[in-house]
Amino acid sequence: MKRLLASCFLIGAICFAAWTANRTIAIAAADAGDAAALQADSDLQQALRKKDAKAVGARLDKEFTWTDEAGQTRKSAQLLKESAAGRPDGNTEYMDLKARDYGQLAIVTGVGKRTAGGDTFFARIWVKRPGGWLLLTHQDTAIIAKNSSSQPAPAAGNGAAAASDCENPCRSVPYTAKTVEQREVLKAYQAVETAVTSHDAKTWAYHVADEFVGIGRQYTGTPDTKAGRVGQIGIVANRVILPKMLWGEAFVFGDAAILIADHKPESEPAYRVIRVWVNRDGRWQLFHRQETTIQGPSPAHDKQN
């Protein structure tokens, strides 16, 4: 499995320069997968700048979704309509680009700089189809001031008592896997969640990749890391009750997968979360988790569950 290459930082800088100049470039890189995904990403940004809905549509997967920092999710038809009128993400410049290629799935992350409004952390998940790289999902999370109150990922729980409260999502979720691979991803996800409630740092770490990055709903610019979360989970403190999953769907692409879901904490707004996985060393491992609070009404599929 391919790992992040140092050359991606240079590629990202080249891509950003190309976007701001609004011209086509040829990307050179040691890793062809990274270069191809980043070229597709650059092509999409140029199409958005040109209000070229046809070119934008050619880069979108049939399962495409775009979630902005307010948690509002667009599908292809709405994005294409907005693309014809202007950029759906406003005057945003994407910076600090990083890319990882996992074979049939690639992730491009960075910071969205806005001329008006706050900055965001973004992740774009690209998938390799017969016709080339297509954008499966884009998700923004607002970057809040560092002196604002933070909302860290759940800390450790109170052993079996916490796990016994975790019917959803630890043992059941409102999603039925359609393939063996989807079931294995779901099983790994539930193992991660159960480990959090049981303050079982060893099991949590077993199902999490070394390059793990976690972006919470109240993101101040410093992501969770594997080592940091292991330290948090291993502390026996208060019992944790995880937010219930309202809706979820898994997509598997060879040795990579993504689980997209909405969760609802008690007395708090629902939030959209993407969890991206790699099948490595004989097991599915989580390498990217990103949350965005849903401002306003929850999506219709949430209300049905």
C-alpha atoms as a PDB file:
ATOM      1  CA  MET A   1       0.000   0.000   0.000  1.00  0.00           C
ATOM      2  CA  LYS A   2       1.319   3.379  -0.985  1.00  0.00           C
ATOM      3  CA  ARG A   3       2.150   5.954   1.647  1.00  0.00           C
ATOM      4  CA  LEU A   4       2.235   9.736   1.571  1.00  0.00           C
ATOM      5  CA  LEU A   5       5.104  10.999  -0.524  1.00  0.00           C
ATOM      6  CA  ALA A   6       7.099  14.079   0.295  1.00  0.00           C
ATOM      7  CA  SER A   7       6.740  15.115  -3.312  1.00  0.00           C
ATOM      8  CA  CYS A   8       3.018  15.671  -2.758  1.00  0.00           C
ATOM      9  CA  PHE A   9       3.814  18.931  -0.959  1.00  0.00           C
ATOM     10  CA  LEU A  10       5.566  20.190  -4.064  1.00  0.00           C
ATOM     11  CA  ILE A  11       2.739  18.895  -6.241  1.00  0.00           C
ATOM     12  CA  GLY A  12       0.194  20.722  -4.074  1.00  0.00           C
ATOM     13  CA  ALA A  13       2.088  23.980  -4.445  1.00  0.00           C
ATOM     14  CA  ILE A  14       2.224  23.500  -8.207  1.00  0.00           C
ATOM     15  CA  CYS A  15      -1.496  22.716  -8.346  1.00  0.00           C
ATOM     16  CA  PHE A  16      -2.405  25.755  -6.274  1.00  0.00           C
ATOM     17  CA  ALA A  17      -0.323  28.012  -8.479  1.00  0.00           C
ATOM     18  CA  ALA A  18      -2.098  26.534 -11.483  1.00  0.00           C
ATOM     19  CA  TRP A  19      -5.531  27.147  -9.989  1.00  0.00           C
ATOM     20  CA  THR A  20      -4.796  30.769  -9.149  1.00  0.00           C
ATOM     21  CA  ALA A  21      -3.414  31.306 -12.661  1.00  0.00           C
ATOM     22  CA  ASN A  22      -6.446  29.527 -14.100  1.00  0.00           C
ATOM     23  CA  ARG A  23      -4.447  27.523 -16.654  1.00  0.00           C
ATOM     24  CA  THR A  24      -3.739  23.873 -17.415  1.00  0.00           C
ATOM     25  CA  ILE A  25      -0.462  22.322 -16.280  1.00  0.00           C
ATOM     26  CA  ALA A  26       1.252  18.972 -16.467  1.00  0.00           C
ATOM     27  CA  ILE A  27       2.028  17.507 -13.037  1.00  0.00           C
ATOM     28  CA  ALA A  28       5.262  15.620 -12.519  1.00  0.00           C
ATOM     29  CA  ALA A  29       5.604  13.275  -9.543  1.00  0.00           C
ATOM     30  CA  ALA A  30       7.315  10.094  -8.496  1.00  0.00           C
ATOM     31  CA  ASP A  31       3.949   8.506  -7.767  1.00  0.00           C
ATOM     32  CA  ALA A  32       1.646   8.321 -10.791  1.00  0.00           C
ATOM     33  CA  GLY A  33      -1.474   7.776  -8.681  1.00  0.00           C
ATOM     34  CA  ASP A  34      -0.895  10.925  -6.623  1.00  0.00           C
ATOM     35  CA  ALA A  35      -0.182  12.944  -9.766  1.00  0.00           C
ATOM     36  CA  ALA A  36      -3.265  11.671 -11.596  1.00  0.00           C
ATOM     37  CA  ALA A  37      -5.587  12.371  -8.660  1.00  0.00           C
ATOM     38  CA  LEU A  38      -4.120  15.822  -8.123  1.00  0.00           C
ATOM     39  CA  GLN A  39      -4.436  16.594 -11.831  1.00  0.00           C
ATOM     40  CA  ALA A  40      -8.118  15.617 -11.655  1.00  0.00           C
ATOM     41  CA  ASP A  41      -8.473  17.860  -8.596  1.00  0.00           C
ATOM     42  CA  SER A  42      -6.817  20.734 -10.448  1.00  0.00           C
ATOM     43  CA  ASP A  43      -9.062  20.184 -13.488  1.00  0.00           C
ATOM     44  CA  LEU A  44     -12.162  20.337 -11.278  1.00  0.00           C
ATOM     45  CA  GLN A  45     -11.078  23.610  -9.677  1.00  0.00           C
ATOM     46  CA  GLN A  46     -10.406  25.183 -13.043  1.00  0.00           C
ATOM     47  CA  ALA A  47     -13.830  24.069 -14.295  1.00  0.00           C
ATOM     48  CA  LEU A  48     -15.462  25.620 -11.226  1.00  0.00           C
ATOM     49  CA  ARG A  49     -13.608  28.873 -11.796  1.00  0.00           C
ATOM     50  CA  LYS A  50     -14.747  28.942 -15.419  1.00  0.00           C
ATOM     51  CA  LYS A  51     -18.374  28.128 -14.470  1.00  0.00           C
ATOM     52  CA  ASP A  52     -18.112  25.175 -16.838  1.00  0.00           C
ATOM     53  CA  ALA A  53     -20.864  22.900 -15.534  1.00  0.00           C
ATOM     54  CA  LYS A  54     -20.224  20.308 -18.239  1.00  0.00           C
ATOM     55  CA  ALA A  55     -16.566  19.960 -17.281  1.00  0.00           C
ATOM     56  CA  VAL A  56     -17.490  19.876 -13.595  1.00  0.00           C
ATOM     57  CA  GLY A  57     -20.004  17.112 -14.224  1.00  0.00           C
ATOM     58  CA  ALA A  58     -17.377  15.042 -16.040  1.00  0.00           C
ATOM     59  CA  ARG A  59     -15.369  14.902 -12.798  1.00  0.00           C
ATOM     60  CA  LEU A  60     -18.189  13.839 -10.459  1.00  0.00           C
ATOM     61  CA  ASP A  61     -18.910  10.242  -9.451  1.00  0.00           C
ATOM     62  CA  LYS A  62     -22.492   8.985  -9.669  1.00  0.00           C
ATOM     63  CA  GLU A  63     -22.545   8.806  -5.830  1.00  0.00           C
ATOM     64  CA  PHE A  64     -21.109  12.313  -5.456  1.00  0.00           C
ATOM     65  CA  THR A  65     -21.867  14.544  -2.448  1.00  0.00           C
ATOM     66  CA  TRP A  66     -20.453  17.936  -1.395  1.00  0.00           C
ATOM     67  CA  THR A  67     -20.850  18.928   2.279  1.00  0.00           C
ATOM     68  CA  ASP A  68     -20.004  22.518   3.166  1.00  0.00           C
ATOM     69  CA  GLU A  69     -18.891  23.881   6.549  1.00  0.00           C
ATOM     70  CA  ALA A  70     -22.552  24.415   7.550  1.00  0.00           C
ATOM     71  CA  GLY A  71     -23.183  20.699   7.092  1.00  0.00           C
ATOM     72  CA  GLN A  72     -25.403  21.241   4.058  1.00  0.00           C
ATOM     73  CA  THR A  73     -24.952  18.493   1.487  1.00  0.00           C
ATOM     74  CA  ARG A  74     -25.361  18.903  -2.263  1.00  0.00           C
ATOM     75  CA  LYS A  75     -25.613  16.164  -4.836  1.00  0.00           C
ATOM     76  CA  SER A  76     -24.587  16.413  -8.471  1.00  0.00           C
ATOM     77  CA  ALA A  77     -27.667  18.169  -9.877  1.00  0.00           C
ATOM     78  CA  GLN A  78     -27.561  20.988  -7.321  1.00  0.00           C
ATOM     79  CA  LEU A  79     -23.816  21.475  -7.596  1.00  0.00           C
ATOM     80  CA  LEU A  80     -23.982  21.615 -11.398  1.00  0.00           C
ATOM     81  CA  LYS A  81     -26.746  24.206 -11.249  1.00  0.00           C
ATOM     82  CA  GLU A  82     -24.687  26.332  -8.873  1.00  0.00           C
ATOM     83  CA  SER A  83     -21.547  25.794 -10.959  1.00  0.00           C
ATOM     84  CA  ALA A  84     -23.194  27.407 -13.962  1.00  0.00           C
ATOM     85  CA  ALA A  85     -23.950  30.501 -11.876  1.00  0.00           C
ATOM     86  CA  GLY A  86     -20.663  30.662  -9.968  1.00  0.00           C
ATOM     87  CA  ARG A  87     -18.449  28.707  -7.577  1.00  0.00           C
ATOM     88  CA  PRO A  88     -20.523  26.889  -4.922  1.00  0.00           C
ATOM     89  CA  ASP A  89     -17.654  27.355  -2.454  1.00  0.00           C
ATOM     90  CA  GLY A  90     -17.317  31.095  -3.074  1.00  0.00           C
ATOM     91  CA  ASN A  91     -13.943  32.700  -3.652  1.00  0.00           C
ATOM     92  CA  THR A  92     -11.925  29.942  -2.022  1.00  0.00           C
ATOM     93  CA  GLU A  93      -8.246  29.279  -2.556  1.00  0.00           C
ATOM     94  CA  TYR A  94      -7.163  25.760  -1.578  1.00  0.00           C
ATOM     95  CA  MET A  95      -3.786  25.682   0.116  1.00  0.00           C
ATOM     96  CA  ASP A  96      -1.439  23.354   2.040  1.00  0.00           C
ATOM     97  CA  LEU A  97      -2.462  20.472  -0.192  1.00  0.00           C
ATOM     98  CA  LYS A  98      -1.534  16.938   0.781  1.00  0.00           C
ATOM     99  CA  ALA A  99      -2.439  13.757  -1.059  1.00  0.00           C
ATOM    100  CA  ARG A 100      -2.411  10.050  -0.358  1.00  0.00           C
ATOM    101  CA  ASP A 101      -3.071   7.422  -2.994  1.00  0.00           C
ATOM    102  CA  TYR A 102      -4.543   4.112  -1.804  1.00  0.00           C
ATOM    103  CA  GLY A 103      -4.891   2.405  -5.161  1.00  0.00           C
ATOM    104  CA  GLN A 104      -8.510   2.881  -6.217  1.00  0.00           C
ATOM    105  CA  LEU A 105      -9.094   5.732  -3.745  1.00  0.00           C
ATOM    106  CA  ALA A 106      -7.124   8.919  -3.147  1.00  0.00           C
ATOM    107  CA  ILE A 107      -7.596  11.641  -0.555  1.00  0.00           C
ATOM    108  CA  VAL A 108      -6.673  15.285  -1.088  1.00  0.00           C
ATOM    109  CA  THR A 109      -6.719  17.515   2.001  1.00  0.00           C
ATOM    110  CA  GLY A 110      -5.829  21.097   2.776  1.00  0.00           C
ATOM    111  CA  VAL A 111      -7.083  24.481   3.935  1.00  0.00           C
ATOM    112  CA  GLY A 112      -9.697  26.548   2.133  1.00  0.00           C
ATOM    113  CA  LYS A 113      -8.871  30.253   2.419  1.00  0.00           C
ATOM    114  CA  ARG A 114     -11.894  32.507   2.045  1.00  0.00           C
ATOM    115  CA  THR A 115     -11.999  36.155   1.028  1.00  0.00           C
ATOM    116  CA  ALA A 116     -15.121  36.429   3.189  1.00  0.00           C
ATOM    117  CA  GLY A 117     -15.893  34.189   6.139  1.00  0.00           C
ATOM    118  CA  GLY A 118     -13.655  31.828   8.044  1.00  0.00           C
ATOM    119  CA  ASP A 119     -11.211  29.282   6.711  1.00  0.00           C
ATOM    120  CA  THR A 120     -12.032  25.597   6.441  1.00  0.00           C
ATOM    121  CA  PHE A 121     -10.245  22.269   6.504  1.00  0.00           C
ATOM    122  CA  PHE A 122     -11.337  20.225   3.515  1.00  0.00           C
ATOM    123  CA  ALA A 123     -11.050  16.628   2.359  1.00  0.00           C
ATOM    124  CA  ARG A 124     -11.849  15.439  -1.142  1.00  0.00           C
ATOM    125  CA  ILE A 125     -12.162  11.708  -1.755  1.00  0.00           C
ATOM    126  CA  TRP A 126     -11.383  10.681  -5.323  1.00  0.00           C
ATOM    127  CA  VAL A 127     -12.111   7.196  -6.683  1.00  0.00           C
ATOM    128  CA  LYS A 128     -10.633   5.505  -9.717  1.00  0.00           C
ATOM    129  CA  ARG A 129     -13.267   4.494 -12.250  1.00  0.00           C
ATOM    130  CA  PRO A 130     -12.689   3.005 -15.737  1.00  0.00           C
ATOM    131  CA  GLY A 131     -12.756   6.513 -17.192  1.00  0.00           C
ATOM    132  CA  GLY A 132     -10.340   8.021 -14.674  1.00  0.00           C
ATOM    133  CA  TRP A 133     -10.451   9.707 -11.278  1.00  0.00           C
ATOM    134  CA  LEU A 134     -13.884  10.965 -10.160  1.00  0.00           C
ATOM    135  CA  LEU A 135     -14.807  12.971  -7.070  1.00  0.00           C
ATOM    136  CA  LEU A 136     -16.886  10.911  -4.657  1.00  0.00           C
ATOM    137  CA  THR A 137     -17.223  13.379  -1.823  1.00  0.00           C
ATOM    138  CA  HIS A 138     -16.007  16.750  -0.606  1.00  0.00           C
ATOM    139  CA  GLN A 139     -16.326  17.791   3.031  1.00  0.00           C
ATOM    140  CA  ASP A 140     -15.518  21.102   4.719  1.00  0.00           C
ATOM    141  CA  THR A 141     -15.055  21.673   8.450  1.00  0.00           C
ATOM    142  CA  ALA A 142     -14.821  25.226   9.775  1.00  0.00           C
ATOM    143  CA  ILE A 143     -11.573  26.186  11.501  1.00  0.00           C
ATOM    144  CA  ILE A 144     -12.504  28.056  14.672  1.00  0.00           C
ATOM    145  CA  ALA A 145     -10.377  30.407  16.750  1.00  0.00           C
ATOM    146  CA  LYS A 146      -7.996  28.580  19.058  1.00  0.00           C
ATOM    147  CA  ASN A 147      -9.389  30.342  22.130  1.00  0.00           C
ATOM    148  CA  SER A 148     -12.890  29.043  21.375  1.00  0.00           C
ATOM    149  CA  SER A 149     -14.314  26.160  23.370  1.00  0.00           C
ATOM    150  CA  SER A 150     -13.251  22.908  21.769  1.00  0.00           C
ATOM    151  CA  GLN A 151     -15.217  19.725  21.383  1.00  0.00           C
ATOM    152  CA  PRO A 152     -12.708  16.873  21.429  1.00  0.00           C
ATOM    153  CA  ALA A 153     -13.424  13.335  20.353  1.00  0.00           C
ATOM    154  CA  PRO A 154     -14.937  11.136  23.098  1.00  0.00           C
ATOM    155  CA  ALA A 155     -12.490  10.335  25.865  1.00  0.00           C
ATOM    156  CA  ALA A 156     -12.282   7.090  27.790  1.00  0.00           C
ATOM    157  CA  GLY A 157     -15.302   5.312  29.157  1.00  0.00           C
ATOM    158  CA  ASN A 158     -16.227   3.285  32.207  1.00  0.00           C
ATOM    159  CA  GLY A 159     -15.563  -0.252  31.044  1.00  0.00           C
ATOM    160  CA  ALA A 160     -18.410  -2.657  30.378  1.00  0.00           C
ATOM    161  CA  ALA A 161     -21.006  -0.242  31.728  1.00  0.00           C
ATOM    162  CA  ALA A 162     -20.237   2.212  28.930  1.00  0.00           C
ATOM    163  CA  ALA A 163     -20.214  -0.498  26.272  1.00  0.00           C
ATOM    164  CA  SER A 164     -23.593  -1.791  27.467  1.00  0.00           C
ATOM    165  CA  ASP A 165     -25.118   1.606  26.637  1.00  0.00           C
ATOM    166  CA  CYS A 166     -23.696   1.546  23.125  1.00  0.00           C
ATOM    167  CA  GLU A 167     -26.296  -0.480  21.235  1.00  0.00           C
ATOM    168  CA  ASN A 168     -26.111   2.031  18.390  1.00  0.00           C
ATOM    169  CA  PRO A 169     -23.434   2.299  17.007  1.00  0.00           C
ATOM    170  CA  CYS A 170     -21.412  -0.406  18.798  1.00  0.00           C
ATOM    171  CA  ARG A 171     -23.663  -3.369  17.956  1.00  0.00           C
ATOM    172  CA  SER A 172     -26.284  -2.171  15.500  1.00  0.00           C
ATOM    173  CA  VAL A 173     -26.592   0.676  13.011  1.00  0.00           C
ATOM    174  CA  PRO A 174     -29.326   1.801  10.578  1.00  0.00           C
ATOM    175  CA  TYR A 175     -27.379   0.475   7.606  1.00  0.00           C
ATOM    176  CA  THR A 176     -27.332  -2.958   5.989  1.00  0.00           C
ATOM    177  CA  ALA A 177     -24.090  -3.926   4.273  1.00  0.00           C
ATOM    178  CA  LYS A 178     -24.588  -5.355   0.788  1.00  0.00           C
ATOM    179  CA  THR A 179     -21.208  -7.036   0.295  1.00  0.00           C
ATOM    180  CA  VAL A 180     -18.692  -9.004   2.343  1.00  0.00           C
ATOM    181  CA  GLU A 181     -16.242  -6.098   2.099  1.00  0.00           C
ATOM    182  CA  GLN A 182     -18.815  -3.610   3.378  1.00  0.00           C
ATOM    183  CA  ARG A 183     -19.582  -5.920   6.295  1.00  0.00           C
ATOM    184  CA  GLU A 184     -15.887  -6.116   7.171  1.00  0.00           C
ATOM    185  CA  VAL A 185     -15.561  -2.326   7.118  1.00  0.00           C
ATOM    186  CA  LEU A 186     -18.641  -2.001   9.327  1.00  0.00           C
ATOM    187  CA  LYS A 187     -17.232  -4.622  11.708  1.00  0.00           C
ATOM    188  CA  ALA A 188     -13.966  -2.671  12.002  1.00  0.00           C
ATOM    189  CA  TYR A 189     -15.887   0.560  12.608  1.00  0.00           C
ATOM    190  CA  GLN A 190     -17.913  -0.986  15.416  1.00  0.00           C
ATOM    191  CA  ALA A 191     -14.749  -2.425  16.962  1.00  0.00           C
ATOM    192  CA  VAL A 192     -13.263   1.089  17.025  1.00  0.00           C
ATOM    193  CA  GLU A 193     -16.383   2.543  18.656  1.00  0.00           C
ATOM    194  CA  THR A 194     -16.637  -0.242  21.237  1.00  0.00           C
ATOM    195  CA  ALA A 195     -12.961   0.241  22.113  1.00  0.00           C
ATOM    196  CA  VAL A 196     -13.611   3.946  22.812  1.00  0.00           C
ATOM    197  CA  THR A 197     -16.452   3.192  25.223  1.00  0.00           C
ATOM    198  CA  SER A 198     -14.405   0.464  26.926  1.00  0.00           C
ATOM    199  CA  HIS A 199     -11.226   2.606  27.179  1.00  0.00           C
ATOM    200  CA  ASP A 200      -9.465  -0.214  25.308  1.00  0.00           C
ATOM    201  CA  ALA A 201      -6.628   1.709  23.685  1.00  0.00           C
ATOM    202  CA  LYS A 202      -4.885  -1.420  22.413  1.00  0.00           C
ATOM    203  CA  THR A 203      -7.886  -2.618  20.406  1.00  0.00           C
ATOM    204  CA  TRP A 204      -8.572   0.903  19.126  1.00  0.00           C
ATOM    205  CA  ALA A 205      -4.987   1.228  17.919  1.00  0.00           C
ATOM    206  CA  TYR A 206      -5.152  -2.174  16.198  1.00  0.00           C
ATOM    207  CA  HIS A 207      -7.921  -0.885  13.916  1.00  0.00           C
ATOM    208  CA  VAL A 208      -6.353   2.543  13.248  1.00  0.00           C
ATOM    209  CA  ALA A 209      -3.576   3.305  10.755  1.00  0.00           C
ATOM    210  CA  ASP A 210      -0.391   5.038  11.852  1.00  0.00           C
ATOM    211  CA  GLU A 211      -1.119   8.006   9.553  1.00  0.00           C
ATOM    212  CA  PHE A 212      -4.539   8.583  11.173  1.00  0.00           C
ATOM    213  CA  VAL A 213      -5.865  12.151  11.148  1.00  0.00           C
ATOM    214  CA  GLY A 214      -8.993  13.173  13.068  1.00  0.00           C
ATOM    215  CA  ILE A 215     -10.853  16.441  12.409  1.00  0.00           C
ATOM    216  CA  GLY A 216     -13.526  17.184  15.016  1.00  0.00           C
ATOM    217  CA  ARG A 217     -16.601  19.378  14.761  1.00  0.00           C
ATOM    218  CA  GLN A 218     -14.894  22.135  16.765  1.00  0.00           C
ATOM    219  CA  TYR A 219     -11.621  22.162  14.854  1.00  0.00           C
ATOM    220  CA  THR A 220      -8.959  24.682  15.881  1.00  0.00           C
ATOM    221  CA  GLY A 221      -6.323  23.626  13.364  1.00  0.00           C
ATOM    222  CA  THR A 222      -4.642  20.807  15.283  1.00  0.00           C
ATOM    223  CA  PRO A 223      -5.886  17.366  14.201  1.00  0.00           C
ATOM    224  CA  ASP A 224      -6.139  14.271  16.350  1.00  0.00           C
ATOM    225  CA  THR A 225      -3.327  11.783  15.853  1.00  0.00           C
ATOM    226  CA  LYS A 226      -3.138   8.082  16.606  1.00  0.00           C
ATOM    227  CA  ALA A 227      -0.749   8.580  19.512  1.00  0.00           C
ATOM    228  CA  GLY A 228      -2.855  11.377  20.959  1.00  0.00           C
ATOM    229  CA  ARG A 229      -6.077   9.398  20.827  1.00  0.00           C
ATOM    230  CA  VAL A 230      -4.429   6.314  22.356  1.00  0.00           C
ATOM    231  CA  GLY A 231      -3.448   8.479  25.312  1.00  0.00           C
ATOM    232  CA  GLN A 232      -6.976   9.858  25.690  1.00  0.00           C
ATOM    233  CA  ILE A 233      -8.742   6.524  25.366  1.00  0.00           C
ATOM    234  CA  GLY A 234      -6.437   4.853  27.874  1.00  0.00           C
ATOM    235  CA  ILE A 235      -7.479   7.215  30.679  1.00  0.00           C
ATOM    236  CA  VAL A 236     -10.281   5.759  32.797  1.00  0.00           C
ATOM    237  CA  ALA A 237     -12.481   8.743  33.586  1.00  0.00           C
ATOM    238  CA  ASN A 238     -16.148   9.378  32.916  1.00  0.00           C
ATOM    239  CA  ARG A 239     -18.468   7.026  31.102  1.00  0.00           C
ATOM    240  CA  VAL A 240     -18.928   7.854  27.431  1.00  0.00           C
ATOM    241  CA  ILE A 241     -22.166   7.451  25.496  1.00  0.00           C
ATOM    242  CA  LEU A 242     -21.458   7.758  21.800  1.00  0.00           C
ATOM    243  CA  PRO A 243     -23.864   9.638  19.514  1.00  0.00           C
ATOM    244  CA  LYS A 244     -26.266   7.330  17.691  1.00  0.00           C
ATOM    245  CA  MET A 245     -25.902   6.855  13.972  1.00  0.00           C
ATOM    246  CA  LEU A 246     -28.928   8.228  12.139  1.00  0.00           C
ATOM    247  CA  TRP A 247     -27.898   7.090   8.681  1.00  0.00           C
ATOM    248  CA  GLY A 248     -24.846   5.561   7.051  1.00  0.00           C
ATOM    249  CA  GLU A 249     -23.486   4.113   3.834  1.00  0.00           C
ATOM    250  CA  ALA A 250     -20.224   2.349   2.989  1.00  0.00           C
ATOM    251  CA  PHE A 251     -18.346   2.306  -0.315  1.00  0.00           C
ATOM    252  CA  VAL A 252     -15.430  -0.050  -0.966  1.00  0.00           C
ATOM    253  CA  PHE A 253     -12.808   0.483  -3.671  1.00  0.00           C
ATOM    254  CA  GLY A 254     -10.291  -2.348  -3.665  1.00  0.00           C
ATOM    255  CA  ASP A 255      -8.159  -1.954  -0.545  1.00  0.00           C
ATOM    256  CA  ALA A 256      -9.746   1.347   0.474  1.00  0.00           C
ATOM    257  CA  ALA A 257     -13.208   2.277   1.716  1.00  0.00           C
ATOM    258  CA  ILE A 258     -15.254   5.169   3.050  1.00  0.00           C
ATOM    259  CA  LEU A 259     -18.109   5.149   5.542  1.00  0.00           C
ATOM    260  CA  ILE A 260     -20.304   8.266   5.372  1.00  0.00           C
ATOM    261  CA  ALA A 261     -22.763   8.738   8.232  1.00  0.00           C
ATOM    262  CA  ASP A 262     -24.829  11.227  10.215  1.00  0.00           C
ATOM    263  CA  HIS A 263     -24.825  11.072  14.018  1.00  0.00           C
ATOM    264  CA  LYS A 264     -26.971  12.800  16.646  1.00  0.00           C
ATOM    265  CA  PRO A 265     -25.598  13.583  20.110  1.00  0.00           C
ATOM    266  CA  GLU A 266     -28.014  14.237  22.965  1.00  0.00           C
ATOM    267  CA  SER A 267     -29.109  17.891  23.085  1.00  0.00           C
ATOM    268  CA  GLU A 268     -26.758  18.851  20.246  1.00  0.00           C
ATOM    269  CA  PRO A 269     -27.139  19.249  16.475  1.00  0.00           C
ATOM    270  CA  ALA A 270     -26.536  16.257  14.242  1.00  0.00           C
ATOM    271  CA  TYR A 271     -23.272  16.055  12.354  1.00  0.00           C
ATOM    272  CA  ARG A 272     -21.942  14.492   9.144  1.00  0.00           C
ATOM    273  CA  VAL A 273     -18.804  12.367   9.443  1.00  0.00           C
ATOM    274  CA  ILE A 274     -16.615  10.639   6.887  1.00  0.00           C
ATOM    275  CA  ARG A 275     -14.380   7.755   7.955  1.00  0.00           C
ATOM    276  CA  VAL A 276     -11.863   6.535   5.389  1.00  0.00           C
ATOM    277  CA  TRP A 277     -10.219   3.111   5.649  1.00  0.00           C
ATOM    278  CA  VAL A 278      -7.347   1.104   4.202  1.00  0.00           C
ATOM    279  CA  ASN A 279      -7.116  -2.701   4.135  1.00  0.00           C
ATOM    280  CA  ARG A 280      -3.593  -3.272   5.412  1.00  0.00           C
ATOM    281  CA  ASP A 281      -1.876  -6.158   7.251  1.00  0.00           C
ATOM    282  CA  GLY A 282      -4.999  -8.277   6.940  1.00  0.00           C
ATOM    283  CA  ARG A 283      -7.446  -5.843   8.539  1.00  0.00           C
ATOM    284  CA  TRP A 284      -9.340  -2.631   7.827  1.00  0.00           C
ATOM    285  CA  GLN A 285      -7.691   0.393   9.458  1.00  0.00           C
ATOM    286  CA  LEU A 286      -9.138   3.887   9.881  1.00  0.00           C
ATOM    287  CA  PHE A 287      -6.882   6.637   8.527  1.00  0.00           C
ATOM    288  CA  HIS A 288      -9.122   9.722   8.225  1.00  0.00           C
ATOM    289  CA  ARG A 289     -12.114  10.856  10.283  1.00  0.00           C
ATOM    290  CA  GLN A 290     -13.765  14.225   9.719  1.00  0.00           C
ATOM    291  CA  GLU A 291     -16.878  15.734  11.311  1.00  0.00           C
ATOM    292  CA  THR A 292     -19.049  18.703  10.307  1.00  0.00           C
ATOM    293  CA  THR A 293     -21.984  20.014  12.342  1.00  0.00           C
ATOM    294  CA  ILE A 294     -25.273  20.118  10.404  1.00  0.00           C
ATOM    295  CA  GLN A 295     -26.728  23.596  10.856  1.00  0.00           C
ATOM    296  CA  GLY A 296     -30.472  23.660  10.311  1.00  0.00           C
ATOM    297  CA  PRO A 297     -32.797  20.697   9.709  1.00  0.00           C
ATOM    298  CA  SER A 298     -31.308  17.229   9.435  1.00  0.00           C
ATOM    299  CA  PRO A 299     -31.393  15.615   5.986  1.00  0.00           C
ATOM    300  CA  ALA A 300     -34.557  13.734   5.064  1.00  0.00           C
ATOM    301  CA  HIS A 301     -32.894  10.310   5.308  1.00  0.00           C
ATOM    302  CA  ASP A 302     -32.013  11.084   8.943  1.00  0.00           C
ATOM    303  CA  LYS A 303     -35.645  11.765   9.835  1.00  0.00           C
ATOM    304  CA  GLN A 304     -36.686   8.418   8.419  1.00  0.00           C
ATOM    305  CA  ASN A 305     -34.483   6.404  10.816  1.00  0.00           C
END
